[in-house]
Amino acid sequence: MAAAVAFASLGGAVQAQQSINITLLSGFPPPVTVVGAAINTYVPAVDATLAKTGNYKIKWNLAISGQIVKPRGELEGVEIGIGDIAIVVTAFHADNTNGGNY
C-alpha cells in the first residue's frame, strides 16, 4: 500500500535516468589551468545542463595527473579507447591540432 501511495504522489510515470560513463583523461594535474578549468567548470556545467531534464546523468571518471596516461599521451589514450574525452595542452600537440581548426 505504501508503495502505491508513493508512486501516486510522483504525479505520473516515472522515467528512468540513464547513466553514461565518461572517462576524462589528462596527464597533467589540476593546477594546469586547462585541467583545473575542465574539472571546476566544464564537468559541473555538463552536470547542471543534464540535470534540467533529468534524463541522463554522467558518472565521471576523472583520470588526471597521469593516472592512466602520461602528459602528452592524452590523444593516444582516446584513440586506443581508454578514455572518452582528452584535455589536450595544444602547445604540446601543435602538429595534431590542425592549428586550432578542428
PDB file of N, CA and C in Angstrom:
ATOM      1  N   MET A   1       0.821  -1.193   0.000  1.00  0.00           N
ATOM      2  CA  MET A   1       0.000   0.000   0.000  1.00  0.00           C
ATOM      3  C   MET A   1       0.870   1.264   0.000  1.00  0.00           C
ATOM      4  N   ALA A   2       1.931   1.252   0.808  1.00  0.00           N
ATOM      5  CA  ALA A   2       2.814   2.417   0.881  1.00  0.00           C
ATOM      6  C   ALA A   2       3.478   2.692  -0.462  1.00  0.00           C
ATOM      7  N   ALA A   3       3.814   1.619  -1.179  1.00  0.00           N
ATOM      8  CA  ALA A   3       4.441   1.790  -2.489  1.00  0.00           C
ATOM      9  C   ALA A   3       3.471   2.440  -3.468  1.00  0.00           C
ATOM     10  N   ALA A   4       2.217   2.057  -3.415  1.00  0.00           N
ATOM     11  CA  ALA A   4       1.220   2.640  -4.306  1.00  0.00           C
ATOM     12  C   ALA A   4       1.014   4.120  -4.010  1.00  0.00           C
ATOM     13  N   VAL A   5       1.027   4.479  -2.743  1.00  0.00           N
ATOM     14  CA  VAL A   5       0.883   5.884  -2.357  1.00  0.00           C
ATOM     15  C   VAL A   5       2.089   6.680  -2.825  1.00  0.00           C
ATOM     16  N   ALA A   6       3.272   6.104  -2.648  1.00  0.00           N
ATOM     17  CA  ALA A   6       4.491   6.797  -3.073  1.00  0.00           C
ATOM     18  C   ALA A   6       4.490   6.996  -4.586  1.00  0.00           C
ATOM     19  N   PHE A   7       4.088   5.983  -5.342  1.00  0.00           N
ATOM     20  CA  PHE A   7       4.038   6.091  -6.794  1.00  0.00           C
ATOM     21  C   PHE A   7       3.012   7.129  -7.225  1.00  0.00           C
ATOM     22  N   ALA A   8       1.863   7.117  -6.613  1.00  0.00           N
ATOM     23  CA  ALA A   8       0.816   8.068  -6.972  1.00  0.00           C
ATOM     24  C   ALA A   8       1.231   9.499  -6.674  1.00  0.00           C
ATOM     25  N   SER A   9       2.037   9.685  -5.650  1.00  0.00           N
ATOM     26  CA  SER A   9       2.458  11.043  -5.295  1.00  0.00           C
ATOM     27  C   SER A   9       3.484  11.609  -6.269  1.00  0.00           C
ATOM     28  N   LEU A  10       4.047  10.762  -7.113  1.00  0.00           N
ATOM     29  CA  LEU A  10       5.013  11.244  -8.095  1.00  0.00           C
ATOM     30  C   LEU A  10       4.335  11.993  -9.233  1.00  0.00           C
ATOM     31  N   GLY A  11       3.049  11.859  -9.349  1.00  0.00           N
ATOM     32  CA  GLY A  11       2.322  12.622 -10.358  1.00  0.00           C
ATOM     33  C   GLY A  11       2.375  12.026 -11.740  1.00  0.00           C
ATOM     34  N   GLY A  12       2.579  10.755 -11.862  1.00  0.00           N
ATOM     35  CA  GLY A  12       2.547  10.141 -13.186  1.00  0.00           C
ATOM     36  C   GLY A  12       3.640   9.122 -13.343  1.00  0.00           C
ATOM     37  N   ALA A  13       4.012   8.926 -14.584  1.00  0.00           N
ATOM     38  CA  ALA A  13       5.006   7.901 -14.905  1.00  0.00           C
ATOM     39  C   ALA A  13       6.377   8.298 -14.389  1.00  0.00           C
ATOM     40  N   VAL A  14       7.100   7.294 -13.987  1.00  0.00           N
ATOM     41  CA  VAL A  14       8.465   7.507 -13.515  1.00  0.00           C
ATOM     42  C   VAL A  14       9.409   7.225 -14.664  1.00  0.00           C
ATOM     43  N   GLN A  15      10.262   8.177 -14.971  1.00  0.00           N
ATOM     44  CA  GLN A  15      11.243   7.977 -16.025  1.00  0.00           C
ATOM     45  C   GLN A  15      12.542   7.496 -15.406  1.00  0.00           C
ATOM     46  N   ALA A  16      13.140   6.511 -16.037  1.00  0.00           N
ATOM     47  CA  ALA A  16      14.434   6.029 -15.572  1.00  0.00           C
ATOM     48  C   ALA A  16      15.519   6.967 -16.088  1.00  0.00           C
ATOM     49  N   GLN A  17      16.441   7.293 -15.212  1.00  0.00           N
ATOM     50  CA  GLN A  17      17.556   8.156 -15.603  1.00  0.00           C
ATOM     51  C   GLN A  17      18.664   7.269 -16.157  1.00  0.00           C
ATOM     52  N   GLN A  18      19.144   7.599 -17.332  1.00  0.00           N
ATOM     53  CA  GLN A  18      20.198   6.819 -17.959  1.00  0.00           C
ATOM     54  C   GLN A  18      21.551   7.350 -17.505  1.00  0.00           C
ATOM     55  N   SER A  19      22.401   6.452 -17.026  1.00  0.00           N
ATOM     56  CA  SER A  19      23.752   6.829 -16.617  1.00  0.00           C
ATOM     57  C   SER A  19      24.721   6.566 -17.758  1.00  0.00           C
ATOM     58  N   ILE A  20      25.602   7.515 -17.969  1.00  0.00           N
ATOM     59  CA  ILE A  20      26.621   7.412 -19.008  1.00  0.00           C
ATOM     60  C   ILE A  20      27.975   7.503 -18.327  1.00  0.00           C
ATOM     61  N   ASN A  21      28.828   6.533 -18.582  1.00  0.00           N
ATOM     62  CA  ASN A  21      30.179   6.545 -18.034  1.00  0.00           C
ATOM     63  C   ASN A  21      31.101   7.273 -19.001  1.00  0.00           C
ATOM     64  N   ILE A  22      31.810   8.272 -18.491  1.00  0.00           N
ATOM     65  CA  ILE A  22      32.765   9.017 -19.305  1.00  0.00           C
ATOM     66  C   ILE A  22      34.083   9.121 -18.552  1.00  0.00           C
ATOM     67  N   THR A  23      35.148   8.763 -19.233  1.00  0.00           N
ATOM     68  CA  THR A  23      36.486   8.908 -18.680  1.00  0.00           C
ATOM     69  C   THR A  23      37.148  10.122 -19.320  1.00  0.00           C
ATOM     70  N   LEU A  24      37.518  11.061 -18.486  1.00  0.00           N
ATOM     71  CA  LEU A  24      38.191  12.287 -18.915  1.00  0.00           C
ATOM     72  C   LEU A  24      39.675  12.121 -18.609  1.00  0.00           C
ATOM     73  N   LEU A  25      40.504  12.197 -19.628  1.00  0.00           N
ATOM     74  CA  LEU A  25      41.940  11.944 -19.490  1.00  0.00           C
ATOM     75  C   LEU A  25      42.768  13.215 -19.475  1.00  0.00           C
ATOM     76  N   SER A  26      43.764  13.220 -18.608  1.00  0.00           N
ATOM     77  CA  SER A  26      44.818  14.226 -18.656  1.00  0.00           C
ATOM     78  C   SER A  26      46.035  13.699 -17.929  1.00  0.00           C
ATOM     79  N   GLY A  27      47.167  13.876 -18.537  1.00  0.00           N
ATOM     80  CA  GLY A  27      48.403  13.525 -17.869  1.00  0.00           C
ATOM     81  C   GLY A  27      48.852  14.600 -16.894  1.00  0.00           C
ATOM     82  N   PHE A  28      48.212  15.753 -16.988  1.00  0.00           N
ATOM     83  CA  PHE A  28      48.596  16.899 -16.161  1.00  0.00           C
ATOM     84  C   PHE A  28      47.678  17.019 -14.944  1.00  0.00           C
ATOM     85  N   PRO A  29      48.158  17.644 -13.870  1.00  0.00           N
ATOM     86  CA  PRO A  29      47.365  17.820 -12.650  1.00  0.00           C
ATOM     87  C   PRO A  29      46.462  19.056 -12.733  1.00  0.00           C
ATOM     88  N   PRO A  30      45.512  19.182 -11.802  1.00  0.00           N
ATOM     89  CA  PRO A  30      44.584  20.314 -11.798  1.00  0.00           C
ATOM     90  C   PRO A  30      45.212  21.707 -11.753  1.00  0.00           C
ATOM     91  N   PRO A  31      46.411  21.907 -11.171  1.00  0.00           N
ATOM     92  CA  PRO A  31      46.972  23.260 -11.229  1.00  0.00           C
ATOM     93  C   PRO A  31      47.260  23.771 -12.648  1.00  0.00           C
ATOM     94  N   VAL A  32      47.368  22.865 -13.618  1.00  0.00           N
ATOM     95  CA  VAL A  32      47.487  23.303 -15.009  1.00  0.00           C
ATOM     96  C   VAL A  32      46.125  23.898 -15.379  1.00  0.00           C
ATOM     97  N   THR A  33      46.116  25.115 -15.827  1.00  0.00           N
ATOM     98  CA  THR A  33      44.888  25.894 -15.997  1.00  0.00           C
ATOM     99  C   THR A  33      43.789  25.152 -16.744  1.00  0.00           C
ATOM    100  N   VAL A  34      44.098  24.551 -17.862  1.00  0.00           N
ATOM    101  CA  VAL A  34      43.068  23.905 -18.669  1.00  0.00           C
ATOM    102  C   VAL A  34      42.479  22.690 -17.953  1.00  0.00           C
ATOM    103  N   VAL A  35      43.270  21.987 -17.186  1.00  0.00           N
ATOM    104  CA  VAL A  35      42.776  20.826 -16.433  1.00  0.00           C
ATOM    105  C   VAL A  35      41.871  21.293 -15.297  1.00  0.00           C
ATOM    106  N   GLY A  36      42.316  22.300 -14.562  1.00  0.00           N
ATOM    107  CA  GLY A  36      41.502  22.853 -13.484  1.00  0.00           C
ATOM    108  C   GLY A  36      40.181  23.401 -13.999  1.00  0.00           C
ATOM    109  N   ALA A  37      40.225  24.057 -15.159  1.00  0.00           N
ATOM    110  CA  ALA A  37      39.003  24.607 -15.745  1.00  0.00           C
ATOM    111  C   ALA A  37      38.032  23.492 -16.141  1.00  0.00           C
ATOM    112  N   ALA A  38      38.560  22.418 -16.670  1.00  0.00           N
ATOM    113  CA  ALA A  38      37.699  21.295 -17.053  1.00  0.00           C
ATOM    114  C   ALA A  38      37.015  20.690 -15.833  1.00  0.00           C
ATOM    115  N   ILE A  39      37.773  20.507 -14.774  1.00  0.00           N
ATOM    116  CA  ILE A  39      37.228  19.883 -13.563  1.00  0.00           C
ATOM    117  C   ILE A  39      36.288  20.825 -12.826  1.00  0.00           C
ATOM    118  N   ASN A  40      36.658  22.078 -12.717  1.00  0.00           N
ATOM    119  CA  ASN A  40      35.892  23.021 -11.897  1.00  0.00           C
ATOM    120  C   ASN A  40      34.782  23.752 -12.649  1.00  0.00           C
ATOM    121  N   THR A  41      34.839  23.756 -13.983  1.00  0.00           N
ATOM    122  CA  THR A  41      33.846  24.495 -14.759  1.00  0.00           C
ATOM    123  C   THR A  41      33.094  23.595 -15.738  1.00  0.00           C
ATOM    124  N   TYR A  42      33.822  22.886 -16.581  1.00  0.00           N
ATOM    125  CA  TYR A  42      33.186  22.077 -17.626  1.00  0.00           C
ATOM    126  C   TYR A  42      32.328  20.945 -17.052  1.00  0.00           C
ATOM    127  N   VAL A  43      32.906  20.133 -16.169  1.00  0.00           N
ATOM    128  CA  VAL A  43      32.179  18.994 -15.601  1.00  0.00           C
ATOM    129  C   VAL A  43      30.908  19.453 -14.870  1.00  0.00           C
ATOM    130  N   PRO A  44      30.985  20.451 -13.969  1.00  0.00           N
ATOM    131  CA  PRO A  44      29.758  20.907 -13.317  1.00  0.00           C
ATOM    132  C   PRO A  44      28.730  21.507 -14.288  1.00  0.00           C
ATOM    133  N   ALA A  45      29.198  22.176 -15.339  1.00  0.00           N
ATOM    134  CA  ALA A  45      28.272  22.761 -16.320  1.00  0.00           C
ATOM    135  C   ALA A  45      27.523  21.665 -17.080  1.00  0.00           C
ATOM    136  N   VAL A  46      28.223  20.611 -17.452  1.00  0.00           N
ATOM    137  CA  VAL A  46      27.568  19.490 -18.130  1.00  0.00           C
ATOM    138  C   VAL A  46      26.563  18.840 -17.192  1.00  0.00           C
ATOM    139  N   ASP A  47      26.958  18.606 -15.950  1.00  0.00           N
ATOM    140  CA  ASP A  47      26.043  18.011 -14.970  1.00  0.00           C
ATOM    141  C   ASP A  47      24.797  18.868 -14.765  1.00  0.00           C
ATOM    142  N   ALA A  48      24.969  20.175 -14.670  1.00  0.00           N
ATOM    143  CA  ALA A  48      23.838  21.085 -14.463  1.00  0.00           C
ATOM    144  C   ALA A  48      22.904  21.087 -15.666  1.00  0.00           C
ATOM    145  N   THR A  49      23.464  21.068 -16.865  1.00  0.00           N
ATOM    146  CA  THR A  49      22.642  21.040 -18.073  1.00  0.00           C
ATOM    147  C   THR A  49      21.833  19.757 -18.157  1.00  0.00           C
ATOM    148  N   LEU A  50      22.449  18.633 -17.853  1.00  0.00           N
ATOM    149  CA  LEU A  50      21.741  17.357 -17.899  1.00  0.00           C
ATOM    150  C   LEU A  50      20.696  17.248 -16.792  1.00  0.00           C
ATOM    151  N   ALA A  51      20.948  17.886 -15.662  1.00  0.00           N
ATOM    152  CA  ALA A  51      20.012  17.838 -14.541  1.00  0.00           C
ATOM    153  C   ALA A  51      18.694  18.557 -14.858  1.00  0.00           C
ATOM    154  N   LYS A  52      18.713  19.461 -15.814  1.00  0.00           N
ATOM    155  CA  LYS A  52      17.495  20.194 -16.158  1.00  0.00           C
ATOM    156  C   LYS A  52      16.394  19.274 -16.667  1.00  0.00           C
ATOM    157  N   THR A  53      16.770  18.237 -17.409  1.00  0.00           N
ATOM    158  CA  THR A  53      15.769  17.293 -17.907  1.00  0.00           C
ATOM    159  C   THR A  53      15.687  16.052 -17.028  1.00  0.00           C
ATOM    160  N   GLY A  54      16.789  15.694 -16.401  1.00  0.00           N
ATOM    161  CA  GLY A  54      16.808  14.511 -15.551  1.00  0.00           C
ATOM    162  C   GLY A  54      16.847  13.206 -16.317  1.00  0.00           C
ATOM    163  N   ASN A  55      17.013  13.261 -17.629  1.00  0.00           N
ATOM    164  CA  ASN A  55      17.034  12.040 -18.433  1.00  0.00           C
ATOM    165  C   ASN A  55      18.372  11.317 -18.376  1.00  0.00           C
ATOM    166  N   TYR A  56      19.435  12.068 -18.209  1.00  0.00           N
ATOM    167  CA  TYR A  56      20.781  11.495 -18.241  1.00  0.00           C
ATOM    168  C   TYR A  56      21.594  11.998 -17.060  1.00  0.00           C
ATOM    169  N   LYS A  57      22.522  11.158 -16.637  1.00  0.00           N
ATOM    170  CA  LYS A  57      23.487  11.532 -15.609  1.00  0.00           C
ATOM    171  C   LYS A  57      24.826  10.935 -16.013  1.00  0.00           C
ATOM    172  N   ILE A  58      25.867  11.717 -15.882  1.00  0.00           N
ATOM    173  CA  ILE A  58      27.196  11.224 -16.223  1.00  0.00           C
ATOM    174  C   ILE A  58      27.913  10.780 -14.959  1.00  0.00           C
ATOM    175  N   LYS A  59      28.485   9.598 -15.046  1.00  0.00           N
ATOM    176  CA  LYS A  59      29.382   9.110 -13.994  1.00  0.00           C
ATOM    177  C   LYS A  59      30.794   9.393 -14.502  1.00  0.00           C
ATOM    178  N   TRP A  60      31.396  10.437 -13.945  1.00  0.00           N
ATOM    179  CA  TRP A  60      32.708  10.889 -14.404  1.00  0.00           C
ATOM    180  C   TRP A  60      33.808  10.056 -13.783  1.00  0.00           C
ATOM    181  N   ASN A  61      34.743   9.620 -14.602  1.00  0.00           N
ATOM    182  CA  ASN A  61      35.996   9.038 -14.142  1.00  0.00           C
ATOM    183  C   ASN A  61      37.059  10.063 -14.515  1.00  0.00           C
ATOM    184  N   LEU A  62      37.474  10.865 -13.543  1.00  0.00           N
ATOM    185  CA  LEU A  62      38.460  11.917 -13.797  1.00  0.00           C
ATOM    186  C   LEU A  62      39.848  11.323 -13.659  1.00  0.00           C
ATOM    187  N   ALA A  63      40.369  10.825 -14.765  1.00  0.00           N
ATOM    188  CA  ALA A  63      41.677  10.184 -14.798  1.00  0.00           C
ATOM    189  C   ALA A  63      42.724  11.245 -15.130  1.00  0.00           C
ATOM    190  N   ILE A  64      43.110  11.988 -14.118  1.00  0.00           N
ATOM    191  CA  ILE A  64      44.027  13.110 -14.302  1.00  0.00           C
ATOM    192  C   ILE A  64      45.330  12.852 -13.576  1.00  0.00           C
ATOM    193  N   SER A  65      46.263  13.753 -13.735  1.00  0.00           N
ATOM    194  CA  SER A  65      47.570  13.686 -13.067  1.00  0.00           C
ATOM    195  C   SER A  65      48.335  12.418 -13.415  1.00  0.00           C
ATOM    196  N   GLY A  66      48.139  11.922 -14.627  1.00  0.00           N
ATOM    197  CA  GLY A  66      48.895  10.754 -15.064  1.00  0.00           C
ATOM    198  C   GLY A  66      48.374   9.429 -14.547  1.00  0.00           C
ATOM    199  N   GLN A  67      47.139   9.369 -14.047  1.00  0.00           N
ATOM    200  CA  GLN A  67      46.603   8.112 -13.537  1.00  0.00           C
ATOM    201  C   GLN A  67      46.501   7.042 -14.613  1.00  0.00           C
ATOM    202  N   ILE A  68      46.153   7.432 -15.827  1.00  0.00           N
ATOM    203  CA  ILE A  68      46.020   6.472 -16.924  1.00  0.00           C
ATOM    204  C   ILE A  68      47.007   6.771 -18.039  1.00  0.00           C
ATOM    205  N   VAL A  69      47.139   8.050 -18.396  1.00  0.00           N
ATOM    206  CA  VAL A  69      48.079   8.439 -19.449  1.00  0.00           C
ATOM    207  C   VAL A  69      49.066   9.453 -18.892  1.00  0.00           C
ATOM    208  N   LYS A  70      50.242   9.451 -19.469  1.00  0.00           N
ATOM    209  CA  LYS A  70      51.256  10.434 -19.084  1.00  0.00           C
ATOM    210  C   LYS A  70      51.007  11.737 -19.840  1.00  0.00           C
ATOM    211  N   PRO A  71      51.603  12.841 -19.384  1.00  0.00           N
ATOM    212  CA  PRO A  71      51.487  14.082 -20.153  1.00  0.00           C
ATOM    213  C   PRO A  71      51.893  13.856 -21.607  1.00  0.00           C
ATOM    214  N   ARG A  72      51.112  14.408 -22.497  1.00  0.00           N
ATOM    215  CA  ARG A  72      51.272  14.299 -23.943  1.00  0.00           C
ATOM    216  C   ARG A  72      50.787  12.964 -24.496  1.00  0.00           C
ATOM    217  N   GLY A  73      50.170  12.120 -23.656  1.00  0.00           N
ATOM    218  CA  GLY A  73      49.633  10.845 -24.119  1.00  0.00           C
ATOM    219  C   GLY A  73      48.115  10.835 -24.198  1.00  0.00           C
ATOM    220  N   GLU A  74      47.510  12.005 -24.035  1.00  0.00           N
ATOM    221  CA  GLU A  74      46.053  12.095 -23.968  1.00  0.00           C
ATOM    222  C   GLU A  74      45.376  11.710 -25.291  1.00  0.00           C
ATOM    223  N   LEU A  75      45.880  12.231 -26.404  1.00  0.00           N
ATOM    224  CA  LEU A  75      45.266  11.918 -27.703  1.00  0.00           C
ATOM    225  C   LEU A  75      45.325  10.426 -27.995  1.00  0.00           C
ATOM    226  N   GLU A  76      46.461   9.824 -27.730  1.00  0.00           N
ATOM    227  CA  GLU A  76      46.594   8.387 -27.951  1.00  0.00           C
ATOM    228  C   GLU A  76      45.655   7.602 -27.037  1.00  0.00           C
ATOM    229  N   GLY A  77      45.467   8.084 -25.818  1.00  0.00           N
ATOM    230  CA  GLY A  77      44.551   7.422 -24.895  1.00  0.00           C
ATOM    231  C   GLY A  77      43.133   7.359 -25.429  1.00  0.00           C
ATOM    232  N   VAL A  78      42.685   8.429 -26.060  1.00  0.00           N
ATOM    233  CA  VAL A  78      41.347   8.433 -26.659  1.00  0.00           C
ATOM    234  C   VAL A  78      41.346   7.576 -27.928  1.00  0.00           C
ATOM    235  N   GLU A  79      42.418   7.667 -28.723  1.00  0.00           N
ATOM    236  CA  GLU A  79      42.499   6.897 -29.962  1.00  0.00           C
ATOM    237  C   GLU A  79      42.403   5.395 -29.710  1.00  0.00           C
ATOM    238  N   ILE A  80      43.027   4.917 -28.633  1.00  0.00           N
ATOM    239  CA  ILE A  80      43.007   3.474 -28.365  1.00  0.00           C
ATOM    240  C   ILE A  80      41.830   3.057 -27.486  1.00  0.00           C
ATOM    241  N   GLY A  81      41.026   4.028 -27.068  1.00  0.00           N
ATOM    242  CA  GLY A  81      39.781   3.707 -26.393  1.00  0.00           C
ATOM    243  C   GLY A  81      39.812   3.623 -24.878  1.00  0.00           C
ATOM    244  N   ILE A  82      40.877   4.095 -24.236  1.00  0.00           N
ATOM    245  CA  ILE A  82      40.887   4.040 -22.772  1.00  0.00           C
ATOM    246  C   ILE A  82      40.284   5.287 -22.137  1.00  0.00           C
ATOM    247  N   GLY A  83      39.966   6.268 -22.957  1.00  0.00           N
ATOM    248  CA  GLY A  83      39.310   7.481 -22.473  1.00  0.00           C
ATOM    249  C   GLY A  83      38.329   7.988 -23.511  1.00  0.00           C
ATOM    250  N   ASP A  84      37.406   8.830 -23.031  1.00  0.00           N
ATOM    251  CA  ASP A  84      36.384   9.376 -23.918  1.00  0.00           C
ATOM    252  C   ASP A  84      36.646  10.832 -24.288  1.00  0.00           C
ATOM    253  N   ILE A  85      37.189  11.583 -23.341  1.00  0.00           N
ATOM    254  CA  ILE A  85      37.491  12.994 -23.541  1.00  0.00           C
ATOM    255  C   ILE A  85      38.927  13.212 -23.089  1.00  0.00           C
ATOM    256  N   ALA A  86      39.697  13.944 -23.880  1.00  0.00           N
ATOM    257  CA  ALA A  86      41.078  14.251 -23.509  1.00  0.00           C
ATOM    258  C   ALA A  86      41.239  15.743 -23.316  1.00  0.00           C
ATOM    259  N   ILE A  87      41.915  16.105 -22.264  1.00  0.00           N
ATOM    260  CA  ILE A  87      42.297  17.505 -22.064  1.00  0.00           C
ATOM    261  C   ILE A  87      43.679  17.633 -22.681  1.00  0.00           C
ATOM    262  N   VAL A  88      43.730  18.342 -23.800  1.00  0.00           N
ATOM    263  CA  VAL A  88      44.959  18.431 -24.578  1.00  0.00           C
ATOM    264  C   VAL A  88      45.544  19.823 -24.438  1.00  0.00           C
ATOM    265  N   VAL A  89      46.781  19.868 -23.987  1.00  0.00           N
ATOM    266  CA  VAL A  89      47.511  21.136 -23.938  1.00  0.00           C
ATOM    267  C   VAL A  89      48.095  21.324 -25.332  1.00  0.00           C
ATOM    268  N   THR A  90      47.469  22.208 -26.102  1.00  0.00           N
ATOM    269  CA  THR A  90      47.795  22.316 -27.525  1.00  0.00           C
ATOM    270  C   THR A  90      49.240  22.715 -27.804  1.00  0.00           C
ATOM    271  N   ALA A  91      49.885  23.365 -26.874  1.00  0.00           N
ATOM    272  CA  ALA A  91      51.283  23.736 -27.099  1.00  0.00           C
ATOM    273  C   ALA A  91      52.150  22.500 -27.317  1.00  0.00           C
ATOM    274  N   PHE A  92      51.745  21.373 -26.750  1.00  0.00           N
ATOM    275  CA  PHE A  92      52.499  20.133 -26.907  1.00  0.00           C
ATOM    276  C   PHE A  92      52.029  19.302 -28.089  1.00  0.00           C
ATOM    277  N   HIS A  93      50.918  19.703 -28.722  1.00  0.00           N
ATOM    278  CA  HIS A  93      50.351  18.920 -29.813  1.00  0.00           C
ATOM    279  C   HIS A  93      50.050  19.785 -31.031  1.00  0.00           C
ATOM    280  N   ALA A  94      50.869  20.759 -31.296  1.00  0.00           N
ATOM    281  CA  ALA A  94      50.613  21.670 -32.412  1.00  0.00           C
ATOM    282  C   ALA A  94      50.492  20.921 -33.734  1.00  0.00           C
ATOM    283  N   ASP A  95      51.229  19.837 -33.898  1.00  0.00           N
ATOM    284  CA  ASP A  95      51.178  19.071 -35.130  1.00  0.00           C
ATOM    285  C   ASP A  95      49.883  18.268 -35.267  1.00  0.00           C
ATOM    286  N   ASN A  96      49.187  18.015 -34.159  1.00  0.00           N
ATOM    287  CA  ASN A  96      47.977  17.201 -34.184  1.00  0.00           C
ATOM    288  C   ASN A  96      46.686  18.009 -34.088  1.00  0.00           C
ATOM    289  N   THR A  97      46.792  19.296 -33.882  1.00  0.00           N
ATOM    290  CA  THR A  97      45.582  20.083 -33.673  1.00  0.00           C
ATOM    291  C   THR A  97      45.174  20.920 -34.876  1.00  0.00           C
ATOM    292  N   ASN A  98      45.840  20.760 -35.982  1.00  0.00           N
ATOM    293  CA  ASN A  98      45.455  21.449 -37.210  1.00  0.00           C
ATOM    294  C   ASN A  98      45.436  22.960 -37.011  1.00  0.00           C
ATOM    295  N   GLY A  99      46.349  23.454 -36.213  1.00  0.00           N
ATOM    296  CA  GLY A  99      46.435  24.887 -35.986  1.00  0.00           C
ATOM    297  C   GLY A  99      45.223  25.474 -35.303  1.00  0.00           C
ATOM    298  N   GLY A 100      44.481  24.649 -34.565  1.00  0.00           N
ATOM    299  CA  GLY A 100      43.295  25.117 -33.882  1.00  0.00           C
ATOM    300  C   GLY A 100      42.035  25.052 -34.717  1.00  0.00           C
ATOM    301  N   ASN A 101      42.166  24.605 -35.976  1.00  0.00           N
ATOM    302  CA  ASN A 101      40.999  24.472 -36.859  1.00  0.00           C
ATOM    303  C   ASN A 101      40.492  23.039 -36.805  1.00  0.00           C
ATOM    304  N   TYR A 102      39.523  22.818 -35.958  1.00  0.00           N
ATOM    305  CA  TYR A 102      39.022  21.456 -35.768  1.00  0.00           C
ATOM    306  C   TYR A 102      37.951  21.224 -36.765  1.00  0.00           C
TER     307      TYR A 102
END
